Amino acid sequence: MWRRSYSVRPPALSHDDPRHPRFDPRYAHLDPRVLPASESLFDTLVRCLPAWQDRIALDLRMGRHVLVAAHGNSLRALVKMLDGISDEEIPLVEIPTGVPVVYRFDQDLNVASKIMLD
């Protein structure tokens, strides 16, 4: 259920689990209390929205082409937002590995077209 749903989190990692992000050197500068021990797709979307708003959308508005390469769940979160997929439908959405998807947007950054290049 938690692998595909929108709001159900997987079991949290214990604080001493070596897979916990507090042991990852990339996050050494962050307070360990802000690092998630578990994350649902909803949580992933909340985490990804600033990248969309502050970087991707800004570049698109400036007429730039943007390539987004990310982990599957991050891509599912962005696709959910871009395509307006409901919480009930998102468990059925598959993001194929290594298959580019080209989005074109109108001036308000609404999806004008979506093409899967398989």
PDB file of N, CA and C in Angstrom:
ATOM      1  N   MET A   1       0.826  -1.203   0.000  1.00  0.00           N
ATOM      2  CA  MET A   1       0.000   0.000   0.000  1.00  0.00           C
ATOM      3  C   MET A   1       0.866   1.262   0.000  1.00  0.00           C
ATOM      4  N   TRP A   2       1.893   1.292   0.854  1.00  0.00           N
ATOM      5  CA  TRP A   2       2.680   2.513   0.973  1.00  0.00           C
ATOM      6  C   TRP A   2       3.584   2.748  -0.226  1.00  0.00           C
ATOM      7  N   ARG A   3       3.894   1.712  -1.016  1.00  0.00           N
ATOM      8  CA  ARG A   3       4.779   1.893  -2.175  1.00  0.00           C
ATOM      9  C   ARG A   3       4.113   2.700  -3.275  1.00  0.00           C
ATOM     10  N   ARG A   4       2.804   2.618  -3.414  1.00  0.00           N
ATOM     11  CA  ARG A   4       2.127   3.240  -4.549  1.00  0.00           C
ATOM     12  C   ARG A   4       1.129   4.324  -4.149  1.00  0.00           C
ATOM     13  N   SER A   5       0.718   4.356  -2.895  1.00  0.00           N
ATOM     14  CA  SER A   5      -0.323   5.306  -2.507  1.00  0.00           C
ATOM     15  C   SER A   5       0.214   6.739  -2.465  1.00  0.00           C
ATOM     16  N   TYR A   6      -0.671   7.658  -2.234  1.00  0.00           N
ATOM     17  CA  TYR A   6      -0.295   9.065  -2.197  1.00  0.00           C
ATOM     18  C   TYR A   6       0.091   9.518  -0.791  1.00  0.00           C
ATOM     19  N   SER A   7      -0.665   9.082   0.210  1.00  0.00           N
ATOM     20  CA  SER A   7      -0.456   9.658   1.537  1.00  0.00           C
ATOM     21  C   SER A   7       0.043   8.677   2.591  1.00  0.00           C
ATOM     22  N   VAL A   8       0.137   7.392   2.278  1.00  0.00           N
ATOM     23  CA  VAL A   8       0.591   6.412   3.263  1.00  0.00           C
ATOM     24  C   VAL A   8       2.119   6.344   3.241  1.00  0.00           C
ATOM     25  N   ARG A   9       2.721   6.540   4.408  1.00  0.00           N
ATOM     26  CA  ARG A   9       4.184   6.472   4.528  1.00  0.00           C
ATOM     27  C   ARG A   9       4.623   5.034   4.813  1.00  0.00           C
ATOM     28  N   PRO A  10       5.783   4.662   4.298  1.00  0.00           N
ATOM     29  CA  PRO A  10       6.342   3.360   4.687  1.00  0.00           C
ATOM     30  C   PRO A  10       6.788   3.405   6.144  1.00  0.00           C
ATOM     31  N   PRO A  11       7.073   2.247   6.735  1.00  0.00           N
ATOM     32  CA  PRO A  11       7.573   2.256   8.114  1.00  0.00           C
ATOM     33  C   PRO A  11       8.829   3.133   8.224  1.00  0.00           C
ATOM     34  N   ALA A  12       8.885   3.919   9.268  1.00  0.00           N
ATOM     35  CA  ALA A  12      10.009   4.838   9.464  1.00  0.00           C
ATOM     36  C   ALA A  12      11.271   4.074   9.838  1.00  0.00           C
ATOM     37  N   LEU A  13      12.400   4.582   9.373  1.00  0.00           N
ATOM     38  CA  LEU A  13      13.701   4.040   9.776  1.00  0.00           C
ATOM     39  C   LEU A  13      13.966   4.456  11.217  1.00  0.00           C
ATOM     40  N   SER A  14      14.561   3.574  11.978  1.00  0.00           N
ATOM     41  CA  SER A  14      14.934   3.954  13.338  1.00  0.00           C
ATOM     42  C   SER A  14      16.075   4.963  13.265  1.00  0.00           C
ATOM     43  N   HIS A  15      16.227   5.738  14.317  1.00  0.00           N
ATOM     44  CA  HIS A  15      17.234   6.800  14.348  1.00  0.00           C
ATOM     45  C   HIS A  15      18.653   6.242  14.204  1.00  0.00           C
ATOM     46  N   ASP A  16      18.857   4.995  14.609  1.00  0.00           N
ATOM     47  CA  ASP A  16      20.194   4.404  14.519  1.00  0.00           C
ATOM     48  C   ASP A  16      20.374   3.505  13.291  1.00  0.00           C
ATOM     49  N   ASP A  17      19.382   3.431  12.434  1.00  0.00           N
ATOM     50  CA  ASP A  17      19.489   2.633  11.204  1.00  0.00           C
ATOM     51  C   ASP A  17      20.529   3.281  10.294  1.00  0.00           C
ATOM     52  N   PRO A  18      21.511   2.531   9.805  1.00  0.00           N
ATOM     53  CA  PRO A  18      22.558   3.124   8.956  1.00  0.00           C
ATOM     54  C   PRO A  18      22.020   3.711   7.653  1.00  0.00           C
ATOM     55  N   ARG A  19      20.786   3.345   7.257  1.00  0.00           N
ATOM     56  CA  ARG A  19      20.178   3.924   6.053  1.00  0.00           C
ATOM     57  C   ARG A  19      19.508   5.267   6.328  1.00  0.00           C
ATOM     58  N   HIS A  20      19.406   5.646   7.592  1.00  0.00           N
ATOM     59  CA  HIS A  20      18.768   6.928   7.950  1.00  0.00           C
ATOM     60  C   HIS A  20      19.570   8.058   7.307  1.00  0.00           C
ATOM     61  N   PRO A  21      18.888   9.057   6.761  1.00  0.00           N
ATOM     62  CA  PRO A  21      19.619  10.141   6.083  1.00  0.00           C
ATOM     63  C   PRO A  21      20.586  10.916   6.979  1.00  0.00           C
ATOM     64  N   ARG A  22      20.436  10.802   8.279  1.00  0.00           N
ATOM     65  CA  ARG A  22      21.376  11.533   9.159  1.00  0.00           C
ATOM     66  C   ARG A  22      22.799  11.005   9.032  1.00  0.00           C
ATOM     67  N   PHE A  23      22.960   9.786   8.487  1.00  0.00           N
ATOM     68  CA  PHE A  23      24.292   9.217   8.291  1.00  0.00           C
ATOM     69  C   PHE A  23      24.862   9.531   6.905  1.00  0.00           C
ATOM     70  N   ASP A  24      24.093  10.166   6.059  1.00  0.00           N
ATOM     71  CA  ASP A  24      24.534  10.493   4.705  1.00  0.00           C
ATOM     72  C   ASP A  24      25.341  11.791   4.751  1.00  0.00           C
ATOM     73  N   PRO A  25      26.582  11.775   4.298  1.00  0.00           N
ATOM     74  CA  PRO A  25      27.416  12.991   4.367  1.00  0.00           C
ATOM     75  C   PRO A  25      26.831  14.186   3.616  1.00  0.00           C
ATOM     76  N   ARG A  26      25.979  13.942   2.641  1.00  0.00           N
ATOM     77  CA  ARG A  26      25.365  15.065   1.902  1.00  0.00           C
ATOM     78  C   ARG A  26      24.462  15.908   2.790  1.00  0.00           C
ATOM     79  N   TYR A  27      23.993  15.325   3.895  1.00  0.00           N
ATOM     80  CA  TYR A  27      23.067  16.042   4.773  1.00  0.00           C
ATOM     81  C   TYR A  27      23.716  16.424   6.096  1.00  0.00           C
ATOM     82  N   ALA A  28      25.030  16.338   6.178  1.00  0.00           N
ATOM     83  CA  ALA A  28      25.746  16.612   7.426  1.00  0.00           C
ATOM     84  C   ALA A  28      25.518  18.042   7.914  1.00  0.00           C
ATOM     85  N   HIS A  29      25.221  18.962   7.012  1.00  0.00           N
ATOM     86  CA  HIS A  29      25.029  20.363   7.391  1.00  0.00           C
ATOM     87  C   HIS A  29      23.623  20.646   7.933  1.00  0.00           C
ATOM     88  N   LEU A  30      22.744  19.642   7.870  1.00  0.00           N
ATOM     89  CA  LEU A  30      21.365  19.824   8.321  1.00  0.00           C
ATOM     90  C   LEU A  30      21.154  19.246   9.718  1.00  0.00           C
ATOM     91  N   ASP A  31      20.237  19.840  10.443  1.00  0.00           N
ATOM     92  CA  ASP A  31      19.846  19.324  11.748  1.00  0.00           C
ATOM     93  C   ASP A  31      19.186  17.960  11.524  1.00  0.00           C
ATOM     94  N   PRO A  32      19.672  16.901  12.144  1.00  0.00           N
ATOM     95  CA  PRO A  32      19.104  15.561  11.926  1.00  0.00           C
ATOM     96  C   PRO A  32      17.603  15.480  12.224  1.00  0.00           C
ATOM     97  N   ARG A  33      17.101  16.386  13.061  1.00  0.00           N
ATOM     98  CA  ARG A  33      15.669  16.359  13.390  1.00  0.00           C
ATOM     99  C   ARG A  33      14.784  16.749  12.209  1.00  0.00           C
ATOM    100  N   VAL A  34      15.347  17.403  11.191  1.00  0.00           N
ATOM    101  CA  VAL A  34      14.532  17.793  10.029  1.00  0.00           C
ATOM    102  C   VAL A  34      14.600  16.760   8.902  1.00  0.00           C
ATOM    103  N   LEU A  35      15.423  15.731   9.076  1.00  0.00           N
ATOM    104  CA  LEU A  35      15.570  14.711   8.047  1.00  0.00           C
ATOM    105  C   LEU A  35      14.495  13.647   8.213  1.00  0.00           C
ATOM    106  N   PRO A  36      13.764  13.348   7.158  1.00  0.00           N
ATOM    107  CA  PRO A  36      12.678  12.374   7.286  1.00  0.00           C
ATOM    108  C   PRO A  36      13.206  10.943   7.405  1.00  0.00           C
ATOM    109  N   ALA A  37      12.545  10.167   8.245  1.00  0.00           N
ATOM    110  CA  ALA A  37      12.860   8.747   8.384  1.00  0.00           C
ATOM    111  C   ALA A  37      11.913   7.919   7.520  1.00  0.00           C
ATOM    112  N   SER A  38      10.973   8.598   6.886  1.00  0.00           N
ATOM    113  CA  SER A  38       9.990   7.975   6.014  1.00  0.00           C
ATOM    114  C   SER A  38       9.354   9.082   5.186  1.00  0.00           C
ATOM    115  N   GLU A  39       8.836   8.728   4.009  1.00  0.00           N
ATOM    116  CA  GLU A  39       8.275   9.767   3.145  1.00  0.00           C
ATOM    117  C   GLU A  39       7.212   9.163   2.220  1.00  0.00           C
ATOM    118  N   SER A  40       6.024   9.751   2.226  1.00  0.00           N
ATOM    119  CA  SER A  40       4.961   9.360   1.299  1.00  0.00           C
ATOM    120  C   SER A  40       5.127  10.154   0.005  1.00  0.00           C
ATOM    121  N   LEU A  41       4.331   9.822  -0.985  1.00  0.00           N
ATOM    122  CA  LEU A  41       4.365  10.598  -2.226  1.00  0.00           C
ATOM    123  C   LEU A  41       3.926  12.036  -1.964  1.00  0.00           C
ATOM    124  N   PHE A  42       2.962  12.231  -1.077  1.00  0.00           N
ATOM    125  CA  PHE A  42       2.553  13.582  -0.695  1.00  0.00           C
ATOM    126  C   PHE A  42       3.751  14.352  -0.135  1.00  0.00           C
ATOM    127  N   ASP A  43       4.494  13.721   0.771  1.00  0.00           N
ATOM    128  CA  ASP A  43       5.689  14.360   1.352  1.00  0.00           C
ATOM    129  C   ASP A  43       6.711  14.697   0.264  1.00  0.00           C
ATOM    130  N   THR A  44       6.855  13.779  -0.692  1.00  0.00           N
ATOM    131  CA  THR A  44       7.792  13.995  -1.793  1.00  0.00           C
ATOM    132  C   THR A  44       7.370  15.205  -2.618  1.00  0.00           C
ATOM    133  N   LEU A  45       6.073  15.323  -2.890  1.00  0.00           N
ATOM    134  CA  LEU A  45       5.582  16.469  -3.650  1.00  0.00           C
ATOM    135  C   LEU A  45       5.846  17.773  -2.901  1.00  0.00           C
ATOM    136  N   VAL A  46       5.583  17.784  -1.618  1.00  0.00           N
ATOM    137  CA  VAL A  46       5.849  18.985  -0.806  1.00  0.00           C
ATOM    138  C   VAL A  46       7.332  19.347  -0.881  1.00  0.00           C
ATOM    139  N   ARG A  47       8.200  18.332  -0.845  1.00  0.00           N
ATOM    140  CA  ARG A  47       9.649  18.567  -0.906  1.00  0.00           C
ATOM    141  C   ARG A  47      10.085  19.053  -2.278  1.00  0.00           C
ATOM    142  N   CYS A  48       9.408  18.581  -3.348  1.00  0.00           N
ATOM    143  CA  CYS A  48       9.797  18.927  -4.721  1.00  0.00           C
ATOM    144  C   CYS A  48       9.213  20.262  -5.209  1.00  0.00           C
ATOM    145  N   LEU A  49       8.124  20.690  -4.615  1.00  0.00           N
ATOM    146  CA  LEU A  49       7.481  21.920  -5.089  1.00  0.00           C
ATOM    147  C   LEU A  49       8.400  23.134  -5.125  1.00  0.00           C
ATOM    148  N   PRO A  50       9.240  23.360  -4.116  1.00  0.00           N
ATOM    149  CA  PRO A  50      10.144  24.518  -4.215  1.00  0.00           C
ATOM    150  C   PRO A  50      11.068  24.444  -5.435  1.00  0.00           C
ATOM    151  N   ALA A  51      11.526  23.250  -5.789  1.00  0.00           N
ATOM    152  CA  ALA A  51      12.374  23.123  -6.989  1.00  0.00           C
ATOM    153  C   ALA A  51      11.571  23.494  -8.232  1.00  0.00           C
ATOM    154  N   TRP A  52      10.314  23.071  -8.297  1.00  0.00           N
ATOM    155  CA  TRP A  52       9.455  23.434  -9.422  1.00  0.00           C
ATOM    156  C   TRP A  52       9.254  24.950  -9.460  1.00  0.00           C
ATOM    157  N   GLN A  53       8.862  25.523  -8.341  1.00  0.00           N
ATOM    158  CA  GLN A  53       8.508  26.943  -8.292  1.00  0.00           C
ATOM    159  C   GLN A  53       9.714  27.862  -8.454  1.00  0.00           C
ATOM    160  N   ASP A  54      10.804  27.542  -7.774  1.00  0.00           N
ATOM    161  CA  ASP A  54      11.952  28.449  -7.715  1.00  0.00           C
ATOM    162  C   ASP A  54      12.972  28.245  -8.819  1.00  0.00           C
ATOM    163  N   ARG A  55      12.973  27.094  -9.460  1.00  0.00           N
ATOM    164  CA  ARG A  55      13.993  26.822 -10.472  1.00  0.00           C
ATOM    165  C   ARG A  55      13.379  26.486 -11.831  1.00  0.00           C
ATOM    166  N   ILE A  56      12.626  25.394 -11.859  1.00  0.00           N
ATOM    167  CA  ILE A  56      12.126  24.890 -13.138  1.00  0.00           C
ATOM    168  C   ILE A  56      11.157  25.874 -13.780  1.00  0.00           C
ATOM    169  N   ALA A  57      10.129  26.277 -13.047  1.00  0.00           N
ATOM    170  CA  ALA A  57       9.130  27.202 -13.599  1.00  0.00           C
ATOM    171  C   ALA A  57       9.775  28.534 -13.988  1.00  0.00           C
ATOM    172  N   LEU A  58      10.707  28.998 -13.183  1.00  0.00           N
ATOM    173  CA  LEU A  58      11.404  30.254 -13.483  1.00  0.00           C
ATOM    174  C   LEU A  58      12.149  30.150 -14.813  1.00  0.00           C
ATOM    175  N   ASP A  59      12.876  29.057 -15.005  1.00  0.00           N
ATOM    176  CA  ASP A  59      13.595  28.860 -16.265  1.00  0.00           C
ATOM    177  C   ASP A  59      12.634  28.731 -17.442  1.00  0.00           C
ATOM    178  N   LEU A  60      11.530  28.017 -17.253  1.00  0.00           N
ATOM    179  CA  LEU A  60      10.552  27.885 -18.338  1.00  0.00           C
ATOM    180  C   LEU A  60       9.967  29.241 -18.720  1.00  0.00           C
ATOM    181  N   ARG A  61       9.672  30.066 -17.736  1.00  0.00           N
ATOM    182  CA  ARG A  61       9.123  31.407 -18.012  1.00  0.00           C
ATOM    183  C   ARG A  61      10.130  32.279 -18.761  1.00  0.00           C
ATOM    184  N   MET A  62      11.416  31.972 -18.595  1.00  0.00           N
ATOM    185  CA  MET A  62      12.461  32.724 -19.288  1.00  0.00           C
ATOM    186  C   MET A  62      12.725  32.149 -20.681  1.00  0.00           C
ATOM    187  N   GLY A  63      11.920  31.152 -21.076  1.00  0.00           N
ATOM    188  CA  GLY A  63      12.065  30.571 -22.403  1.00  0.00           C
ATOM    189  C   GLY A  63      13.132  29.519 -22.525  1.00  0.00           C
ATOM    190  N   ARG A  64      13.658  29.059 -21.410  1.00  0.00           N
ATOM    191  CA  ARG A  64      14.704  28.052 -21.442  1.00  0.00           C
ATOM    192  C   ARG A  64      14.103  26.645 -21.527  1.00  0.00           C
ATOM    193  N   HIS A  65      14.868  25.740 -22.100  1.00  0.00           N
ATOM    194  CA  HIS A  65      14.515  24.327 -22.091  1.00  0.00           C
ATOM    195  C   HIS A  65      15.075  23.737 -20.803  1.00  0.00           C
ATOM    196  N   VAL A  66      14.314  22.868 -20.167  1.00  0.00           N
ATOM    197  CA  VAL A  66      14.721  22.305 -18.883  1.00  0.00           C
ATOM    198  C   VAL A  66      14.667  20.785 -18.976  1.00  0.00           C
ATOM    199  N   LEU A  67      15.729  20.138 -18.523  1.00  0.00           N
ATOM    200  CA  LEU A  67      15.768  18.686 -18.419  1.00  0.00           C
ATOM    201  C   LEU A  67      15.705  18.334 -16.936  1.00  0.00           C
ATOM    202  N   VAL A  68      14.730  17.506 -16.573  1.00  0.00           N
ATOM    203  CA  VAL A  68      14.601  17.053 -15.190  1.00  0.00           C
ATOM    204  C   VAL A  68      14.920  15.569 -15.157  1.00  0.00           C
ATOM    205  N   ALA A  69      15.930  15.209 -14.392  1.00  0.00           N
ATOM    206  CA  ALA A  69      16.279  13.808 -14.165  1.00  0.00           C
ATOM    207  C   ALA A  69      16.224  13.605 -12.660  1.00  0.00           C
ATOM    208  N   ALA A  70      15.467  12.598 -12.238  1.00  0.00           N
ATOM    209  CA  ALA A  70      15.262  12.430 -10.801  1.00  0.00           C
ATOM    210  C   ALA A  70      14.884  10.990 -10.488  1.00  0.00           C
ATOM    211  N   HIS A  71      14.780  10.714  -9.217  1.00  0.00           N
ATOM    212  CA  HIS A  71      14.313   9.430  -8.717  1.00  0.00           C
ATOM    213  C   HIS A  71      12.847   9.262  -9.103  1.00  0.00           C
ATOM    214  N   GLY A  72      12.424   8.028  -9.263  1.00  0.00           N
ATOM    215  CA  GLY A  72      11.061   7.729  -9.711  1.00  0.00           C
ATOM    216  C   GLY A  72       9.975   8.393  -8.898  1.00  0.00           C
ATOM    217  N   ASN A  73      10.086   8.405  -7.567  1.00  0.00           N
ATOM    218  CA  ASN A  73       9.017   8.990  -6.761  1.00  0.00           C
ATOM    219  C   ASN A  73       8.968  10.504  -6.915  1.00  0.00           C
ATOM    220  N   SER A  74      10.113  11.138  -7.074  1.00  0.00           N
ATOM    221  CA  SER A  74      10.121  12.586  -7.318  1.00  0.00           C
ATOM    222  C   SER A  74       9.447  12.892  -8.651  1.00  0.00           C
ATOM    223  N   LEU A  75       9.729  12.065  -9.651  1.00  0.00           N
ATOM    224  CA  LEU A  75       9.092  12.261 -10.956  1.00  0.00           C
ATOM    225  C   LEU A  75       7.594  12.001 -10.874  1.00  0.00           C
ATOM    226  N   ARG A  76       7.178  10.972 -10.134  1.00  0.00           N
ATOM    227  CA  ARG A  76       5.745  10.709  -9.961  1.00  0.00           C
ATOM    228  C   ARG A  76       5.052  11.899  -9.309  1.00  0.00           C
ATOM    229  N   ALA A  77       5.702  12.513  -8.344  1.00  0.00           N
ATOM    230  CA  ALA A  77       5.117  13.673  -7.669  1.00  0.00           C
ATOM    231  C   ALA A  77       4.948  14.832  -8.649  1.00  0.00           C
ATOM    232  N   LEU A  78       5.976  15.121  -9.454  1.00  0.00           N
ATOM    233  CA  LEU A  78       5.865  16.203 -10.431  1.00  0.00           C
ATOM    234  C   LEU A  78       4.820  15.895 -11.496  1.00  0.00           C
ATOM    235  N   VAL A  79       4.779  14.655 -11.968  1.00  0.00           N
ATOM    236  CA  VAL A  79       3.788  14.264 -12.971  1.00  0.00           C
ATOM    237  C   VAL A  79       2.376  14.388 -12.391  1.00  0.00           C
ATOM    238  N   LYS A  80       2.197  14.003 -11.136  1.00  0.00           N
ATOM    239  CA  LYS A  80       0.888  14.149 -10.478  1.00  0.00           C
ATOM    240  C   LYS A  80       0.438  15.599 -10.524  1.00  0.00           C
ATOM    241  N   MET A  81       1.348  16.485 -10.182  1.00  0.00           N
ATOM    242  CA  MET A  81       1.025  17.905 -10.170  1.00  0.00           C
ATOM    243  C   MET A  81       0.772  18.419 -11.584  1.00  0.00           C
ATOM    244  N   LEU A  82       1.682  18.141 -12.513  1.00  0.00           N
ATOM    245  CA  LEU A  82       1.576  18.676 -13.874  1.00  0.00           C
ATOM    246  C   LEU A  82       0.346  18.170 -14.611  1.00  0.00           C
ATOM    247  N   ASP A  83       0.051  16.877 -14.443  1.00  0.00           N
ATOM    248  CA  ASP A  83      -1.053  16.264 -15.179  1.00  0.00           C
ATOM    249  C   ASP A  83      -2.374  16.316 -14.422  1.00  0.00           C
ATOM    250  N   GLY A  84      -2.368  16.855 -13.207  1.00  0.00           N
ATOM    251  CA  GLY A  84      -3.601  16.956 -12.433  1.00  0.00           C
ATOM    252  C   GLY A  84      -4.172  15.587 -12.077  1.00  0.00           C
ATOM    253  N   ILE A  85      -3.309  14.645 -11.759  1.00  0.00           N
ATOM    254  CA  ILE A  85      -3.740  13.287 -11.437  1.00  0.00           C
ATOM    255  C   ILE A  85      -4.275  13.258 -10.008  1.00  0.00           C
ATOM    256  N   SER A  86      -5.410  12.608  -9.827  1.00  0.00           N
ATOM    257  CA  SER A  86      -6.039  12.556  -8.506  1.00  0.00           C
ATOM    258  C   SER A  86      -5.262  11.627  -7.565  1.00  0.00           C
ATOM    259  N   ASP A  87      -5.504  11.788  -6.270  1.00  0.00           N
ATOM    260  CA  ASP A  87      -4.880  10.938  -5.261  1.00  0.00           C
ATOM    261  C   ASP A  87      -5.251   9.477  -5.493  1.00  0.00           C
ATOM    262  N   GLU A  88      -6.466   9.237  -5.968  1.00  0.00           N
ATOM    263  CA  GLU A  88      -6.938   7.874  -6.195  1.00  0.00           C
ATOM    264  C   GLU A  88      -6.315   7.242  -7.441  1.00  0.00           C
ATOM    265  N   GLU A  89      -5.989   8.057  -8.435  1.00  0.00           N
ATOM    266  CA  GLU A  89      -5.425   7.544  -9.693  1.00  0.00           C
ATOM    267  C   GLU A  89      -3.902   7.369  -9.657  1.00  0.00           C
ATOM    268  N   ILE A  90      -3.212   8.115  -8.792  1.00  0.00           N
ATOM    269  CA  ILE A  90      -1.752   8.115  -8.812  1.00  0.00           C
ATOM    270  C   ILE A  90      -1.138   6.740  -8.533  1.00  0.00           C
ATOM    271  N   PRO A  91      -1.756   5.861  -7.735  1.00  0.00           N
ATOM    272  CA  PRO A  91      -1.135   4.543  -7.553  1.00  0.00           C
ATOM    273  C   PRO A  91      -1.005   3.742  -8.850  1.00  0.00           C
ATOM    274  N   LEU A  92      -1.792   4.064  -9.862  1.00  0.00           N
ATOM    275  CA  LEU A  92      -1.764   3.336 -11.123  1.00  0.00           C
ATOM    276  C   LEU A  92      -0.751   3.902 -12.118  1.00  0.00           C
ATOM    277  N   VAL A  93      -0.161   5.051 -11.802  1.00  0.00           N
ATOM    278  CA  VAL A  93       0.755   5.721 -12.727  1.00  0.00           C
ATOM    279  C   VAL A  93       2.134   5.091 -12.650  1.00  0.00           C
ATOM    280  N   GLU A  94       2.640   4.714 -13.807  1.00  0.00           N
ATOM    281  CA  GLU A  94       3.986   4.162 -13.919  1.00  0.00           C
ATOM    282  C   GLU A  94       4.868   5.178 -14.650  1.00  0.00           C
ATOM    283  N   ILE A  95       6.051   5.398 -14.147  1.00  0.00           N
ATOM    284  CA  ILE A  95       7.040   6.251 -14.803  1.00  0.00           C
ATOM    285  C   ILE A  95       8.113   5.309 -15.333  1.00  0.00           C
ATOM    286  N   PRO A  96       8.145   5.066 -16.646  1.00  0.00           N
ATOM    287  CA  PRO A  96       9.140   4.127 -17.176  1.00  0.00           C
ATOM    288  C   PRO A  96      10.565   4.663 -17.015  1.00  0.00           C
ATOM    289  N   THR A  97      11.457   3.777 -16.653  1.00  0.00           N
ATOM    290  CA  THR A  97      12.859   4.142 -16.469  1.00  0.00           C
ATOM    291  C   THR A  97      13.520   4.418 -17.819  1.00  0.00           C
ATOM    292  N   GLY A  98      14.185   5.550 -17.908  1.00  0.00           N
ATOM    293  CA  GLY A  98      14.969   5.875 -19.099  1.00  0.00           C
ATOM    294  C   GLY A  98      14.162   6.254 -20.321  1.00  0.00           C
ATOM    295  N   VAL A  99      12.875   6.557 -20.154  1.00  0.00           N
ATOM    296  CA  VAL A  99      12.042   6.960 -21.290  1.00  0.00           C
ATOM    297  C   VAL A  99      11.734   8.450 -21.129  1.00  0.00           C
ATOM    298  N   PRO A 100      12.295   9.291 -21.987  1.00  0.00           N
ATOM    299  CA  PRO A 100      12.035  10.728 -21.869  1.00  0.00           C
ATOM    300  C   PRO A 100      10.572  11.076 -22.135  1.00  0.00           C
ATOM    301  N   VAL A 101      10.105  12.042 -21.390  1.00  0.00           N
ATOM    302  CA  VAL A 101       8.766  12.591 -21.581  1.00  0.00           C
ATOM    303  C   VAL A 101       8.945  14.083 -21.814  1.00  0.00           C
ATOM    304  N   VAL A 102       8.400  14.578 -22.917  1.00  0.00           N
ATOM    305  CA  VAL A 102       8.531  15.989 -23.262  1.00  0.00           C
ATOM    306  C   VAL A 102       7.216  16.695 -22.977  1.00  0.00           C
ATOM    307  N   TYR A 103       7.281  17.671 -22.091  1.00  0.00           N
ATOM    308  CA  TYR A 103       6.137  18.527 -21.798  1.00  0.00           C
ATOM    309  C   TYR A 103       6.341  19.853 -22.507  1.00  0.00           C
ATOM    310  N   ARG A 104       5.282  20.368 -23.055  1.00  0.00           N
ATOM    311  CA  ARG A 104       5.261  21.737 -23.568  1.00  0.00           C
ATOM    312  C   ARG A 104       4.182  22.470 -22.787  1.00  0.00           C
ATOM    313  N   PHE A 105       4.481  23.719 -22.457  1.00  0.00           N
ATOM    314  CA  PHE A 105       3.603  24.497 -21.593  1.00  0.00           C
ATOM    315  C   PHE A 105       3.110  25.743 -22.300  1.00  0.00           C
ATOM    316  N   ASP A 106       1.925  26.210 -21.897  1.00  0.00           N
ATOM    317  CA  ASP A 106       1.446  27.496 -22.406  1.00  0.00           C
ATOM    318  C   ASP A 106       2.084  28.598 -21.567  1.00  0.00           C
ATOM    319  N   GLN A 107       1.718  29.839 -21.811  1.00  0.00           N
ATOM    320  CA  GLN A 107       2.351  30.968 -21.118  1.00  0.00           C
ATOM    321  C   GLN A 107       2.075  30.971 -19.613  1.00  0.00           C
ATOM    322  N   ASP A 108       1.019  30.281 -19.175  1.00  0.00           N
ATOM    323  CA  ASP A 108       0.709  30.198 -17.747  1.00  0.00           C
ATOM    324  C   ASP A 108       1.248  28.918 -17.100  1.00  0.00           C
ATOM    325  N   LEU A 109       2.084  28.203 -17.835  1.00  0.00           N
ATOM    326  CA  LEU A 109       2.689  26.944 -17.416  1.00  0.00           C
ATOM    327  C   LEU A 109       1.678  25.823 -17.193  1.00  0.00           C
ATOM    328  N   ASN A 110       0.577  25.892 -17.935  1.00  0.00           N
ATOM    329  CA  ASN A 110      -0.336  24.759 -18.005  1.00  0.00           C
ATOM    330  C   ASN A 110       0.209  23.828 -19.080  1.00  0.00           C
ATOM    331  N   VAL A 111       0.022  22.535 -18.895  1.00  0.00           N
ATOM    332  CA  VAL A 111       0.522  21.570 -19.871  1.00  0.00           C
ATOM    333  C   VAL A 111      -0.247  21.745 -21.175  1.00  0.00           C
ATOM    334  N   ALA A 112       0.476  22.043 -22.246  1.00  0.00           N
ATOM    335  CA  ALA A 112      -0.115  22.182 -23.579  1.00  0.00           C
ATOM    336  C   ALA A 112      -0.046  20.852 -24.332  1.00  0.00           C
ATOM    337  N   SER A 113       1.045  20.114 -24.097  1.00  0.00           N
ATOM    338  CA  SER A 113       1.171  18.780 -24.708  1.00  0.00           C
ATOM    339  C   SER A 113       2.172  17.970 -23.916  1.00  0.00           C
ATOM    340  N   LYS A 114       2.047  16.653 -24.073  1.00  0.00           N
ATOM    341  CA  LYS A 114       2.938  15.704 -23.398  1.00  0.00           C
ATOM    342  C   LYS A 114       3.210  14.571 -24.370  1.00  0.00           C
ATOM    343  N   ILE A 115       4.496  14.323 -24.642  1.00  0.00           N
ATOM    344  CA  ILE A 115       4.875  13.280 -25.590  1.00  0.00           C
ATOM    345  C   ILE A 115       5.890  12.367 -24.907  1.00  0.00           C
ATOM    346  N   MET A 116       5.625  11.052 -24.950  1.00  0.00           N
ATOM    347  CA  MET A 116       6.550  10.065 -24.406  1.00  0.00           C
ATOM    348  C   MET A 116       7.400   9.560 -25.550  1.00  0.00           C
ATOM    349  N   LEU A 117       8.723   9.692 -25.442  1.00  0.00           N
ATOM    350  CA  LEU A 117       9.648   9.315 -26.502  1.00  0.00           C
ATOM    351  C   LEU A 117      10.192   7.902 -26.270  1.00  0.00           C
ATOM    352  N   ASP A 118       9.391   6.913 -26.571  1.00  0.00           N
ATOM    353  CA  ASP A 118       9.845   5.546 -26.351  1.00  0.00           C
ATOM    354  C   ASP A 118      10.306   4.896 -27.569  1.00  0.00           C
TER     355      ASP A 118
END
